[in-house]
Protein backbone atom coordinates (compact mmCIF):
# COMPACT_ATOMS: atom_id res chain seq x y z
CA MET A 1 48.43 64.90 -59.80
CA ARG A 2 51.74 63.58 -58.43
CA ARG A 3 51.78 60.85 -61.03
CA ARG A 4 51.31 63.34 -63.87
CA ILE A 5 54.10 65.55 -62.56
CA SER A 6 56.41 62.52 -62.30
CA LEU A 7 55.51 61.65 -65.88
CA TRP A 8 56.50 65.19 -66.89
CA ALA A 9 59.82 64.73 -65.07
CA LEU A 10 60.33 61.35 -66.76
CA ALA A 11 59.67 62.96 -70.13
CA GLY A 12 62.30 65.62 -69.38
CA PHE A 13 64.78 62.93 -68.37
CA VAL A 14 64.12 60.98 -71.57
CA VAL A 15 64.54 64.08 -73.76
CA ALA A 16 67.82 64.97 -72.06
CA SER A 17 69.01 61.36 -72.33
CA PHE A 18 68.30 61.44 -76.04
CA TRP A 19 70.37 64.61 -76.48
CA VAL A 20 73.25 63.15 -74.44
CA ILE A 21 73.27 59.93 -76.49
CA PHE A 22 72.91 61.87 -79.73
CA GLY A 23 75.73 64.19 -78.75
CA MET A 24 78.04 61.33 -77.86
CA ALA A 25 77.24 59.14 -80.84
CA ILE A 26 76.49 61.41 -83.78
CA ALA A 27 78.15 64.74 -83.12
CA PRO A 28 81.19 64.40 -80.85
CA GLY A 29 82.98 67.69 -80.53
CA HIS A 30 80.02 69.63 -81.92
CA ASN A 31 78.44 72.09 -79.50
CA LEU A 32 74.78 71.04 -79.42
CA GLY A 33 74.00 73.53 -76.64
CA ARG A 34 73.82 76.33 -79.20
CA SER A 35 71.19 74.56 -81.29
CA THR A 36 67.72 76.11 -81.12
CA LEU A 37 66.01 72.71 -81.03
CA VAL A 38 68.10 71.65 -78.05
CA VAL A 39 67.36 74.88 -76.20
CA MET A 40 63.61 74.50 -76.81
CA THR A 41 63.43 70.87 -75.69
CA ALA A 42 66.12 70.93 -72.99
CA PRO A 43 66.11 74.17 -70.99
CA ALA A 44 69.03 72.89 -68.89
CA SER A 45 71.26 73.57 -71.88
CA LEU A 46 70.93 77.29 -71.13
CA VAL A 47 72.75 76.72 -67.84
CA GLY A 48 75.45 74.82 -69.68
CA ARG A 49 76.32 77.88 -71.72
CA SER A 50 77.88 79.70 -68.78
CA VAL A 51 78.97 76.74 -66.64
CA PRO A 52 79.98 73.42 -68.19
CA LEU A 53 77.64 70.66 -67.03
CA ALA A 54 78.31 66.96 -66.71
CA PHE A 55 75.80 64.84 -68.58
CA TYR A 56 74.14 63.55 -65.38
CA TRP A 57 73.56 67.10 -64.09
CA PHE A 58 72.16 68.05 -67.48
CA MET A 59 69.65 65.17 -67.35
CA LEU A 60 68.65 65.91 -63.74
CA LEU A 61 68.24 69.65 -64.36
CA ASN A 62 66.15 68.97 -67.44
CA ALA A 63 63.94 66.55 -65.48
CA ALA A 64 63.49 69.20 -62.78
CA ALA A 65 62.62 71.85 -65.39
CA TYR A 66 60.02 69.57 -66.95
CA ALA A 67 58.62 68.74 -63.48
CA LEU A 68 58.18 72.47 -62.78
CA LEU A 69 56.53 72.91 -66.16
CA GLY A 70 54.26 69.96 -65.37
CA LEU A 71 53.39 71.43 -61.97
CA ALA A 72 52.44 74.76 -63.54
CA THR A 73 50.43 73.01 -66.24
CA GLU A 74 48.58 70.84 -63.73
CA LEU A 75 47.78 73.81 -61.48
CA PHE A 76 46.31 75.79 -64.38
CA ARG A 77 44.59 72.72 -65.77
CA ARG A 78 42.56 72.08 -62.65
CA PRO A 79 39.00 73.37 -62.96
CA SER A 80 38.25 76.26 -60.66
CA GLN A 81 34.79 75.28 -59.44
CA PRO A 82 33.32 76.71 -56.25
CA ALA A 83 32.79 74.27 -53.42
CA LEU A 84 29.25 72.93 -53.23
CA PRO A 85 27.41 73.48 -49.91
CA ASN A 86 26.64 70.33 -47.93
């Protein structure tokens, strides 16, 4: 289960890294935080609306958000089977 949650966190880090690289390379000066696609894939951008975030905080917050999402998914994914008597 820990490995799956770390994979969720890695996925969140990769998504945020993509948005940071895209923002620096393709759209400098354009506010990507208002884009619906960015908000859906990088929930840390919602924090950046009220408080400006550095790119490293954005990537770490997005990884943490994905890890929490992965934890919730893994907890609900586990089968709820009663324990078998010995």
